[in-house]
C-alpha atoms as a PDB file:
ATOM      1  CA  MET A   1      86.283 138.494  98.699  1.00  0.00           C
ATOM      2  CA  LEU A   2      85.516 136.552  95.577  1.00  0.00           C
ATOM      3  CA  LYS A   3      81.938 138.128  96.028  1.00  0.00           C
ATOM      4  CA  TYR A   4      83.482 141.776  95.395  1.00  0.00           C
ATOM      5  CA  CYS A   5      85.719 140.663  92.590  1.00  0.00           C
ATOM      6  CA  VAL A   6      82.798 139.511  90.723  1.00  0.00           C
ATOM      7  CA  GLN A   7      81.040 142.460  91.524  1.00  0.00           C
ATOM      8  CA  GLY A   8      83.800 144.768  90.210  1.00  0.00           C
ATOM      9  CA  PHE A   9      84.009 142.392  87.113  1.00  0.00           C
ATOM     10  CA  LEU A  10      80.265 142.794  86.288  1.00  0.00           C
ATOM     11  CA  LEU A  11      80.493 146.749  86.771  1.00  0.00           C
ATOM     12  CA  GLY A  12      83.738 146.868  84.831  1.00  0.00           C
ATOM     13  CA  LEU A  13      81.941 145.280  81.976  1.00  0.00           C
ATOM     14  CA  ALA A  14      79.162 147.349  82.128  1.00  0.00           C
ATOM     15  CA  TYR A  15      81.258 150.484  82.205  1.00  0.00           C
ATOM     16  CA  VAL A  16      83.765 149.473  79.428  1.00  0.00           C
ATOM     17  CA  ALA A  17      81.044 147.687  76.995  1.00  0.00           C
ATOM     18  CA  PRO A  18      79.278 150.725  75.778  1.00  0.00           C
ATOM     19  CA  ILE A  19      79.809 151.601  72.355  1.00  0.00           C
ATOM     20  CA  GLY A  20      82.332 154.818  72.912  1.00  0.00           C
ATOM     21  CA  MET A  21      85.374 155.690  71.075  1.00  0.00           C
ATOM     22  CA  GLN A  22      87.712 152.920  72.393  1.00  0.00           C
ATOM     23  CA  ASN A  23      85.240 150.211  71.265  1.00  0.00           C
ATOM     24  CA  ILE A  24      84.579 152.000  67.677  1.00  0.00           C
ATOM     25  CA  TYR A  25      88.607 151.870  67.471  1.00  0.00           C
ATOM     26  CA  VAL A  26      88.752 148.467  68.410  1.00  0.00           C
ATOM     27  CA  ILE A  27      85.938 147.338  66.330  1.00  0.00           C
ATOM     28  CA  ASN A  28      87.020 149.251  63.282  1.00  0.00           C
ATOM     29  CA  THR A  29      90.499 148.012  63.392  1.00  0.00           C
ATOM     30  CA  ALA A  30      89.248 144.129  63.810  1.00  0.00           C
ATOM     31  CA  VAL A  31      86.891 144.837  60.846  1.00  0.00           C
ATOM     32  CA  SER A  32      89.500 146.382  58.659  1.00  0.00           C
ATOM     33  CA  GLN A  33      92.859 144.784  59.657  1.00  0.00           C
ATOM     34  CA  ASN A  34      94.189 141.463  60.331  1.00  0.00           C
ATOM     35  CA  LYS A  35      93.738 139.559  63.895  1.00  0.00           C
ATOM     36  CA  LEU A  36      97.407 140.399  64.750  1.00  0.00           C
ATOM     37  CA  LYS A  37      96.582 144.163  64.341  1.00  0.00           C
ATOM     38  CA  ALA A  38      93.467 143.944  65.820  1.00  0.00           C
ATOM     39  CA  TYR A  39      94.731 142.185  68.977  1.00  0.00           C
ATOM     40  CA  GLN A  40      97.954 144.767  69.221  1.00  0.00           C
ATOM     41  CA  VAL A  41      95.241 147.818  69.302  1.00  0.00           C
ATOM     42  CA  ALA A  42      93.014 145.705  71.875  1.00  0.00           C
ATOM     43  CA  PHE A  43      96.178 145.252  74.182  1.00  0.00           C
ATOM     44  CA  ILE A  44      97.253 149.060  74.174  1.00  0.00           C
ATOM     45  CA  THR A  45      93.693 150.139  74.830  1.00  0.00           C
ATOM     46  CA  ILE A  46      93.467 147.563  77.783  1.00  0.00           C
ATOM     47  CA  PHE A  47      96.701 149.169  79.096  1.00  0.00           C
ATOM     48  CA  PHE A  48      95.178 152.642  78.958  1.00  0.00           C
ATOM     49  CA  ASP A  49      91.727 151.596  80.151  1.00  0.00           C
ATOM     50  CA  ILE A  50      93.081 149.954  83.378  1.00  0.00           C
ATOM     51  CA  SER A  51      95.253 152.748  84.022  1.00  0.00           C
ATOM     52  CA  LEU A  52      92.484 155.257  83.897  1.00  0.00           C
ATOM     53  CA  ALA A  53      90.193 152.996  86.214  1.00  0.00           C
ATOM     54  CA  LEU A  54      92.961 152.564  88.652  1.00  0.00           C
ATOM     55  CA  ALA A  55      93.387 156.332  88.638  1.00  0.00           C
ATOM     56  CA  CYS A  56      89.504 157.213  89.301  1.00  0.00           C
ATOM     57  CA  PHE A  57      89.295 154.449  91.767  1.00  0.00           C
ATOM     58  CA  LEU A  58      92.088 155.323  93.822  1.00  0.00           C
ATOM     59  CA  GLY A  59      92.186 159.157  93.384  1.00  0.00           C
ATOM     60  CA  MET A  60      88.548 159.581  94.021  1.00  0.00           C
ATOM     61  CA  GLY A  61      88.194 156.848  96.497  1.00  0.00           C
ATOM     62  CA  ALA A  62      91.147 158.087  98.688  1.00  0.00           C
ATOM     63  CA  LEU A  63      89.617 161.568  99.015  1.00  0.00           C
ATOM     64  CA  MET A  64      86.235 160.117  99.885  1.00  0.00           C
ATOM     65  CA  GLU A  65      87.909 157.876 102.601  1.00  0.00           C
ATOM     66  CA  LYS A  66      89.390 161.078 104.171  1.00  0.00           C
ATOM     67  CA  PHE A  67      86.387 163.453 103.926  1.00  0.00           C
ATOM     68  CA  LYS A  68      82.800 162.104 104.792  1.00  0.00           C
ATOM     69  CA  VAL A  69      81.102 164.986 103.040  1.00  0.00           C
ATOM     70  CA  ILE A  70      82.856 164.331  99.799  1.00  0.00           C
ATOM     71  CA  ARG A  71      81.673 160.515 100.209  1.00  0.00           C
ATOM     72  CA  ALA A  72      78.270 161.641 100.647  1.00  0.00           C
ATOM     73  CA  ALA A  73      78.275 164.005  97.768  1.00  0.00           C
ATOM     74  CA  THR A  74      80.066 161.406  95.349  1.00  0.00           C
ATOM     75  CA  LEU A  75      77.498 158.874  96.227  1.00  0.00           C
ATOM     76  CA  LEU A  76      74.676 161.173  95.640  1.00  0.00           C
ATOM     77  CA  ILE A  77      76.023 162.781  92.309  1.00  0.00           C
ATOM     78  CA  GLY A  78      77.048 159.348  91.271  1.00  0.00           C
ATOM     79  CA  CYS A  79      73.779 157.912  91.647  1.00  0.00           C
ATOM     80  CA  ILE A  80      72.126 160.625  89.620  1.00  0.00           C
ATOM     81  CA  ALA A  81      74.833 160.731  86.952  1.00  0.00           C
ATOM     82  CA  VAL A  82      75.132 156.970  86.526  1.00  0.00           C
ATOM     83  CA  VAL A  83      71.296 156.330  86.236  1.00  0.00           C
ATOM     84  CA  TYR A  84      71.460 159.143  83.868  1.00  0.00           C
ATOM     85  CA  ILE A  85      74.313 157.483  81.867  1.00  0.00           C
ATOM     86  CA  GLY A  86      72.303 154.195  81.647  1.00  0.00           C
ATOM     87  CA  ILE A  87      69.318 155.784  80.466  1.00  0.00           C
ATOM     88  CA  GLN A  88      71.220 157.367  77.622  1.00  0.00           C
ATOM     89  CA  LEU A  89      72.702 154.125  76.583  1.00  0.00           C
ATOM     90  CA  MET A  90      69.585 152.519  76.499  1.00  0.00           C
ATOM     91  CA  ARG A  91      68.218 155.222  74.160  1.00  0.00           C
ATOM     92  CA  ASP A  92      71.584 155.789  72.189  1.00  0.00           C
ATOM     93  CA  THR A  93      71.394 154.472  68.502  1.00  0.00           C
ATOM     94  CA  PRO A  94      75.187 153.345  67.577  1.00  0.00           C
ATOM     95  CA  ASP A  95      76.246 155.441  64.435  1.00  0.00           C
ATOM     96  CA  SER A  96      77.530 152.983  61.766  1.00  0.00           C
ATOM     97  CA  GLU A  97      78.653 156.274  59.836  1.00  0.00           C
ATOM     98  CA  LYS A  98      81.270 157.097  62.689  1.00  0.00           C
ATOM     99  CA  GLN A  99      84.588 155.867  61.280  1.00  0.00           C
ATOM    100  CA  MET A 100      87.988 155.921  62.493  1.00  0.00           C
ATOM    101  CA  ASP A 101      91.322 155.709  60.660  1.00  0.00           C
ATOM    102  CA  VAL A 102      92.802 152.438  61.426  1.00  0.00           C
ATOM    103  CA  ASN A 103      95.832 152.407  59.287  1.00  0.00           C
ATOM    104  CA  LYS A 104      98.450 153.868  61.606  1.00  0.00           C
ATOM    105  CA  SER A 105     102.029 152.875  62.737  1.00  0.00           C
ATOM    106  CA  LEU A 106     102.603 151.605  66.395  1.00  0.00           C
ATOM    107  CA  ILE A 107     103.385 154.850  67.698  1.00  0.00           C
ATOM    108  CA  GLU A 108     100.421 156.263  66.143  1.00  0.00           C
ATOM    109  CA  VAL A 109      98.084 153.581  67.396  1.00  0.00           C
ATOM    110  CA  ILE A 110      99.693 153.968  71.202  1.00  0.00           C
ATOM    111  CA  ILE A 111      99.082 157.910  70.842  1.00  0.00           C
ATOM    112  CA  THR A 112      95.455 156.952  69.335  1.00  0.00           C
ATOM    113  CA  CYS A 113      94.626 154.874  72.322  1.00  0.00           C
ATOM    114  CA  PHE A 114      96.108 157.285  74.819  1.00  0.00           C
ATOM    115  CA  MET A 115      94.042 160.424  73.474  1.00  0.00           C
ATOM    116  CA  ILE A 116      90.662 158.299  73.138  1.00  0.00           C
ATOM    117  CA  THR A 117      91.021 157.318  76.880  1.00  0.00           C
ATOM    118  CA  TRP A 118      92.927 159.788  78.915  1.00  0.00           C
ATOM    119  CA  ILE A 119      92.174 163.307  76.715  1.00  0.00           C
ATOM    120  CA  ASN A 120      88.274 162.556  77.314  1.00  0.00           C
ATOM    121  CA  PRO A 121      86.835 164.599  79.930  1.00  0.00           C
ATOM    122  CA  GLN A 122      83.513 162.497  79.703  1.00  0.00           C
ATOM    123  CA  ALA A 123      85.507 159.438  80.245  1.00  0.00           C
ATOM    124  CA  ILE A 124      87.240 160.647  83.334  1.00  0.00           C
ATOM    125  CA  ILE A 125      84.313 162.102  84.860  1.00  0.00           C
ATOM    126  CA  ASP A 126      82.275 159.236  84.273  1.00  0.00           C
ATOM    127  CA  GLY A 127      85.185 156.967  85.500  1.00  0.00           C
ATOM    128  CA  SER A 128      85.403 158.910  88.580  1.00  0.00           C
ATOM    129  CA  LEU A 129      81.961 158.958  89.673  1.00  0.00           C
ATOM    130  CA  LEU A 130      81.247 155.582  88.937  1.00  0.00           C
ATOM    131  CA  LEU A 131      84.207 153.851  90.295  1.00  0.00           C
ATOM    132  CA  GLY A 132      85.228 156.352  93.007  1.00  0.00           C
ATOM    133  CA  GLY A 133      81.567 156.449  93.939  1.00  0.00           C
ATOM    134  CA  PHE A 134      81.695 152.464  94.391  1.00  0.00           C
ATOM    135  CA  ARG A 135      84.973 152.683  96.320  1.00  0.00           C
ATOM    136  CA  ALA A 136      83.138 154.928  98.799  1.00  0.00           C
ATOM    137  CA  SER A 137      80.292 151.927  99.142  1.00  0.00           C
ATOM    138  CA  LEU A 138      82.632 149.063  99.634  1.00  0.00           C
ATOM    139  CA  PRO A 139      84.117 147.687 102.877  1.00  0.00           C
ATOM    140  CA  GLN A 140      87.928 148.881 103.280  1.00  0.00           C
ATOM    141  CA  ASP A 141      89.095 145.162 102.803  1.00  0.00           C
ATOM    142  CA  ALA A 142      86.742 144.785  99.477  1.00  0.00           C
ATOM    143  CA  SER A 143      88.627 147.557  97.392  1.00  0.00           C
ATOM    144  CA  THR A 144      91.497 145.526  96.058  1.00  0.00           C
ATOM    145  CA  PRO A 145      89.160 142.561  94.887  1.00  0.00           C
ATOM    146  CA  PHE A 146      86.907 144.750  93.629  1.00  0.00           C
ATOM    147  CA  ILE A 147      89.367 146.822  91.118  1.00  0.00           C
ATOM    148  CA  ILE A 148      90.959 143.580  90.363  1.00  0.00           C
ATOM    149  CA  GLY A 149      87.579 142.539  89.051  1.00  0.00           C
ATOM    150  CA  VAL A 150      87.231 145.544  86.985  1.00  0.00           C
ATOM    151  CA  CYS A 151      90.743 145.390  85.453  1.00  0.00           C
ATOM    152  CA  LEU A 152      89.884 141.788  84.484  1.00  0.00           C
ATOM    153  CA  ALA A 153      86.610 143.038  82.820  1.00  0.00           C
ATOM    154  CA  SER A 154      88.686 145.548  80.709  1.00  0.00           C
ATOM    155  CA  PHE A 155      91.137 142.691  79.704  1.00  0.00           C
ATOM    156  CA  PHE A 156      88.217 140.141  79.021  1.00  0.00           C
ATOM    157  CA  TRP A 157      86.165 142.653  77.244  1.00  0.00           C
ATOM    158  CA  PHE A 158      88.498 144.345  74.563  1.00  0.00           C
ATOM    159  CA  ILE A 159      90.165 140.758  73.726  1.00  0.00           C
ATOM    160  CA  SER A 160      86.885 139.434  73.225  1.00  0.00           C
ATOM    161  CA  VAL A 161      85.610 142.136  70.874  1.00  0.00           C
ATOM    162  CA  ALA A 162      88.879 141.854  68.842  1.00  0.00           C
ATOM    163  CA  ALA A 163      88.562 138.185  68.543  1.00  0.00           C
ATOM    164  CA  ILE A 164      84.669 138.099  67.872  1.00  0.00           C
ATOM    165  CA  VAL A 165      84.713 140.958  65.274  1.00  0.00           C
ATOM    166  CA  SER A 166      87.557 139.430  63.543  1.00  0.00           C
ATOM    167  CA  THR A 167      86.000 136.158  63.151  1.00  0.00           C
ATOM    168  CA  PHE A 168      82.453 137.339  62.165  1.00  0.00           C
ATOM    169  CA  LYS A 169      83.097 140.538  60.484  1.00  0.00           C
ATOM    170  CA  GLN A 170      80.403 140.105  58.066  1.00  0.00           C
ATOM    171  CA  LYS A 171      77.740 139.492  60.724  1.00  0.00           C
ATOM    172  CA  PHE A 172      78.535 142.612  63.067  1.00  0.00           C
ATOM    173  CA  ASN A 173      76.138 145.179  62.619  1.00  0.00           C
ATOM    174  CA  GLU A 174      74.101 148.016  64.185  1.00  0.00           C
ATOM    175  CA  LYS A 175      71.446 145.732  65.704  1.00  0.00           C
ATOM    176  CA  VAL A 176      74.140 143.797  67.644  1.00  0.00           C
ATOM    177  CA  LEU A 177      75.740 147.188  68.860  1.00  0.00           C
ATOM    178  CA  ARG A 178      72.151 148.221  69.945  1.00  0.00           C
ATOM    179  CA  VAL A 179      71.472 145.034  72.189  1.00  0.00           C
ATOM    180  CA  ILE A 180      74.869 145.733  73.780  1.00  0.00           C
ATOM    181  CA  ASN A 181      74.152 149.395  74.782  1.00  0.00           C
ATOM    182  CA  ILE A 182      70.581 148.256  76.140  1.00  0.00           C
ATOM    183  CA  ILE A 183      72.030 145.349  78.377  1.00  0.00           C
ATOM    184  CA  CYS A 184      74.947 147.672  79.466  1.00  0.00           C
ATOM    185  CA  GLY A 185      72.391 150.579  80.034  1.00  0.00           C
ATOM    186  CA  ALA A 186      70.394 148.367  82.261  1.00  0.00           C
ATOM    187  CA  VAL A 187      73.237 146.946  84.444  1.00  0.00           C
ATOM    188  CA  ILE A 188      74.402 150.437  84.950  1.00  0.00           C
ATOM    189  CA  ILE A 189      71.225 151.935  86.112  1.00  0.00           C
ATOM    190  CA  GLY A 190      71.097 149.087  88.597  1.00  0.00           C
ATOM    191  CA  TYR A 191      74.232 149.855  89.675  1.00  0.00           C
ATOM    192  CA  GLY A 192      73.082 153.620  90.100  1.00  0.00           C
ATOM    193  CA  ILE A 193      70.466 152.650  92.019  1.00  0.00           C
ATOM    194  CA  LYS A 194      72.840 150.547  94.593  1.00  0.00           C
ATOM    195  CA  LEU A 195      74.736 153.859  94.765  1.00  0.00           C
ATOM    196  CA  GLY A 196      71.586 155.716  95.842  1.00  0.00           C
ATOM    197  CA  TYR A 197      71.022 153.228  98.533  1.00  0.00           C
ATOM    198  CA  SER A 198      74.273 153.441 100.097  1.00  0.00           C
ATOM    199  CA  PHE A 199      73.771 157.275 100.076  1.00  0.00           C
ATOM    200  CA  CYS A 200      70.494 156.842 102.223  1.00  0.00           C
ATOM    201  CA  LYS A 201      72.476 154.340 104.617  1.00  0.00           C
ATOM    202  CA  LEU A 202      75.265 156.755 105.126  1.00  0.00           C
END
């Protein structure tokens, strides 16, 4: 079971690490605010990110366990979409001009974190295809350790981002963001190929 937890953790990192709205918000807060504010935003982001991951994993997974056609279609579509997402990440250049307002009250921070996570069709689609697709490829008893690994990855990533960016504000630049995108894109492509393999076996 440890193997599936580690697999979930690695996929979770590749899923959450690419520079999107959540990361931009956490990074901008860490760069412009004190550490307490950075960690506050990180924890709230983690809460909404994990809740979305669970919804994508359990919702899509339940349907695919019940209907084999949906399972096969999700594996195939997921394979294509995930490989495409990975390629786009590797080609993407982070935009240093893209800024977000970080001077917000606690209520405003909660609303902002909710909006950039849950009111984001791309995140829901990507999450459903990636996490739902992987649930379809896992043995039944591997689902729990896998999603625990995904949740741990979210916690580890956002706390690490807040801590590292707060400590090394002056050295965090576009080049670092670009390297992160390339590494995560390569990992996601690998997982996309694994989904395709599961589809072929099915």
